[in-house]
């Protein structure tokens, strides 16, 4: 199996785990400490964005992917200031509510920065291990 395929499979696994954990913080908040149930979903949203971008683009430098993930999340947050009726209606559906969010919060931008920082070591170390071929499945 070539390196790119191994790395992409690694990111698929990270995406699945991150999605599961993020949804768990929203759907079963009682299972988590208050801080995690309140901010964990937003932190993991940015982590998920970075993993998704890295899955799609392996060639760019990692710092570019991290920056792009943060910018993507901030732009999604800013669009929440727009309260056009059609957009509000779209946000009130399950999939688009998860993707687009509901209302602008400054704290979410801090969470996105934390989420990008959380993704960074997983990308850095994971890619090093998978590129070297030392990972055992």
Protein backbone atom coordinates (compact mmCIF):
# COMPACT_ATOMS: atom_id res chain seq x y z
CA UNK A 1 0.00 0.00 0.00
CA UNK A 2 1.48 3.37 -0.94
CA UNK A 3 2.13 6.15 1.57
CA UNK A 4 -0.65 8.48 0.36
CA UNK A 5 -3.28 5.77 0.69
CA UNK A 6 -2.06 4.84 4.19
CA UNK A 7 -2.13 8.47 5.27
CA UNK A 8 -5.59 9.01 3.81
CA UNK A 9 -6.87 5.93 5.67
CA UNK A 10 -5.34 7.38 8.85
CA UNK A 11 -7.32 10.58 8.26
CA UNK A 12 -10.52 8.63 7.62
CA UNK A 13 -10.06 7.01 11.02
CA UNK A 14 -9.37 10.39 12.66
CA UNK A 15 -12.41 11.89 10.95
CA UNK A 16 -14.66 9.08 12.20
CA UNK A 17 -13.41 9.29 15.78
CA UNK A 18 -13.61 13.09 15.81
CA UNK A 19 -17.15 13.09 14.39
CA UNK A 20 -18.27 10.51 16.93
CA UNK A 21 -16.73 12.43 19.83
CA UNK A 22 -18.11 15.77 18.65
CA UNK A 23 -21.63 14.40 18.24
CA UNK A 24 -21.38 12.70 21.63
CA UNK A 25 -20.66 16.04 23.32
CA UNK A 26 -23.86 17.42 21.78
CA UNK A 27 -26.20 14.47 22.16
CA UNK A 28 -25.09 13.13 25.55
CA UNK A 29 -23.69 16.17 27.37
CA UNK A 30 -24.40 14.58 30.78
CA UNK A 31 -21.57 12.10 30.18
CA UNK A 32 -18.95 14.86 30.02
CA UNK A 33 -17.64 17.54 32.35
CA UNK A 34 -19.42 20.88 31.81
CA UNK A 35 -16.43 22.44 30.03
CA UNK A 36 -16.30 19.57 27.49
CA UNK A 37 -20.06 19.47 26.90
CA UNK A 38 -20.10 23.25 26.40
CA UNK A 39 -16.99 23.75 24.26
CA UNK A 40 -15.90 20.29 23.09
CA UNK A 41 -18.11 20.25 20.01
CA UNK A 42 -16.70 23.54 18.75
CA UNK A 43 -13.13 22.46 19.44
CA UNK A 44 -13.68 19.17 17.63
CA UNK A 45 -15.42 20.98 14.75
CA UNK A 46 -12.13 22.71 13.92
CA UNK A 47 -10.17 19.51 14.49
CA UNK A 48 -12.50 17.74 12.06
CA UNK A 49 -12.06 20.55 9.50
CA UNK A 50 -8.27 20.20 9.63
CA UNK A 51 -8.42 16.42 9.28
CA UNK A 52 -10.84 16.76 6.36
CA UNK A 53 -8.67 19.29 4.56
CA UNK A 54 -5.58 17.18 5.13
CA UNK A 55 -7.41 14.12 3.81
CA UNK A 56 -8.12 16.04 0.59
CA UNK A 57 -4.73 17.76 0.26
CA UNK A 58 -1.61 15.96 1.42
CA UNK A 59 0.95 18.01 -0.54
CA UNK A 60 0.62 21.51 0.98
CA UNK A 61 2.69 22.29 4.05
CA UNK A 62 0.87 21.36 7.25
CA UNK A 63 0.83 24.96 8.51
CA UNK A 64 -1.19 25.93 5.41
CA UNK A 65 -3.77 23.25 6.15
CA UNK A 66 -3.98 24.34 9.79
CA UNK A 67 -4.44 27.96 8.76
CA UNK A 68 -7.03 27.03 6.13
CA UNK A 69 -8.96 24.99 8.71
CA UNK A 70 -9.01 27.90 11.13
CA UNK A 71 -10.06 30.38 8.43
CA UNK A 72 -12.82 28.02 7.25
CA UNK A 73 -14.20 27.76 10.80
CA UNK A 74 -14.04 31.53 11.35
CA UNK A 75 -15.86 32.16 8.07
CA UNK A 76 -18.56 29.68 9.07
CA UNK A 77 -18.87 31.50 12.40
CA UNK A 78 -19.12 34.91 10.72
CA UNK A 79 -21.85 33.73 8.36
CA UNK A 80 -23.93 33.01 11.46
CA UNK A 81 -24.40 36.79 11.79
CA UNK A 82 -26.51 36.62 8.63
CA UNK A 83 -30.10 35.96 9.64
CA UNK A 84 -31.74 35.70 6.22
CA UNK A 85 -34.94 33.64 6.63
CA UNK A 86 -33.87 31.00 4.11
CA UNK A 87 -30.50 30.60 5.85
CA UNK A 88 -32.08 30.35 9.30
CA UNK A 89 -34.46 27.70 7.93
CA UNK A 90 -31.52 25.81 6.43
CA UNK A 91 -29.62 25.96 9.74
CA UNK A 92 -32.64 24.46 11.50
CA UNK A 93 -32.20 21.19 9.62
CA UNK A 94 -30.00 18.57 11.28
CA UNK A 95 -27.11 18.28 8.81
CA UNK A 96 -26.87 21.99 8.00
CA UNK A 97 -27.24 22.96 11.64
CA UNK A 98 -24.14 20.91 12.41
CA UNK A 99 -22.20 22.39 9.51
CA UNK A 100 -23.33 26.01 9.65
CA UNK A 101 -24.07 26.46 13.35
CA UNK A 102 -26.78 28.69 14.77
CA UNK A 103 -25.49 31.93 16.24
CA UNK A 104 -22.27 33.90 16.38
CA UNK A 105 -20.18 33.55 19.56
CA UNK A 106 -16.70 34.99 20.12
CA UNK A 107 -15.91 31.99 22.31
CA UNK A 108 -16.32 29.72 19.30
CA UNK A 109 -13.38 31.41 17.58
CA UNK A 110 -11.21 30.62 20.61
CA UNK A 111 -12.48 27.02 20.44
CA UNK A 112 -11.55 26.82 16.76
CA UNK A 113 -8.01 27.91 17.56
CA UNK A 114 -7.86 25.21 20.26
CA UNK A 115 -9.24 22.64 17.82
CA UNK A 116 -6.61 23.46 15.20
CA UNK A 117 -3.91 23.18 17.85
CA UNK A 118 -5.38 19.83 18.92
CA UNK A 119 -5.22 18.54 15.33
CA UNK A 120 -1.62 19.64 14.81
CA UNK A 121 0.21 16.87 16.74
CA UNK A 122 -2.09 14.18 15.32
CA UNK A 123 -1.19 15.34 11.81
CA UNK A 124 2.49 15.81 12.52
CA UNK A 125 3.16 12.57 14.38
CA UNK A 126 0.65 10.46 12.46
CA UNK A 127 2.02 11.40 9.08
CA UNK A 128 5.57 10.77 10.23
CA UNK A 129 4.66 7.30 11.46
CA UNK A 130 2.56 6.38 8.43
CA UNK A 131 5.09 7.72 5.93
CA UNK A 132 7.88 5.74 7.54
CA UNK A 133 5.90 2.53 7.29
CA UNK A 134 6.36 1.79 11.00
CA UNK A 135 2.64 1.81 11.74
CA UNK A 136 1.15 -1.61 12.37
CA UNK A 137 -2.49 -2.28 11.56
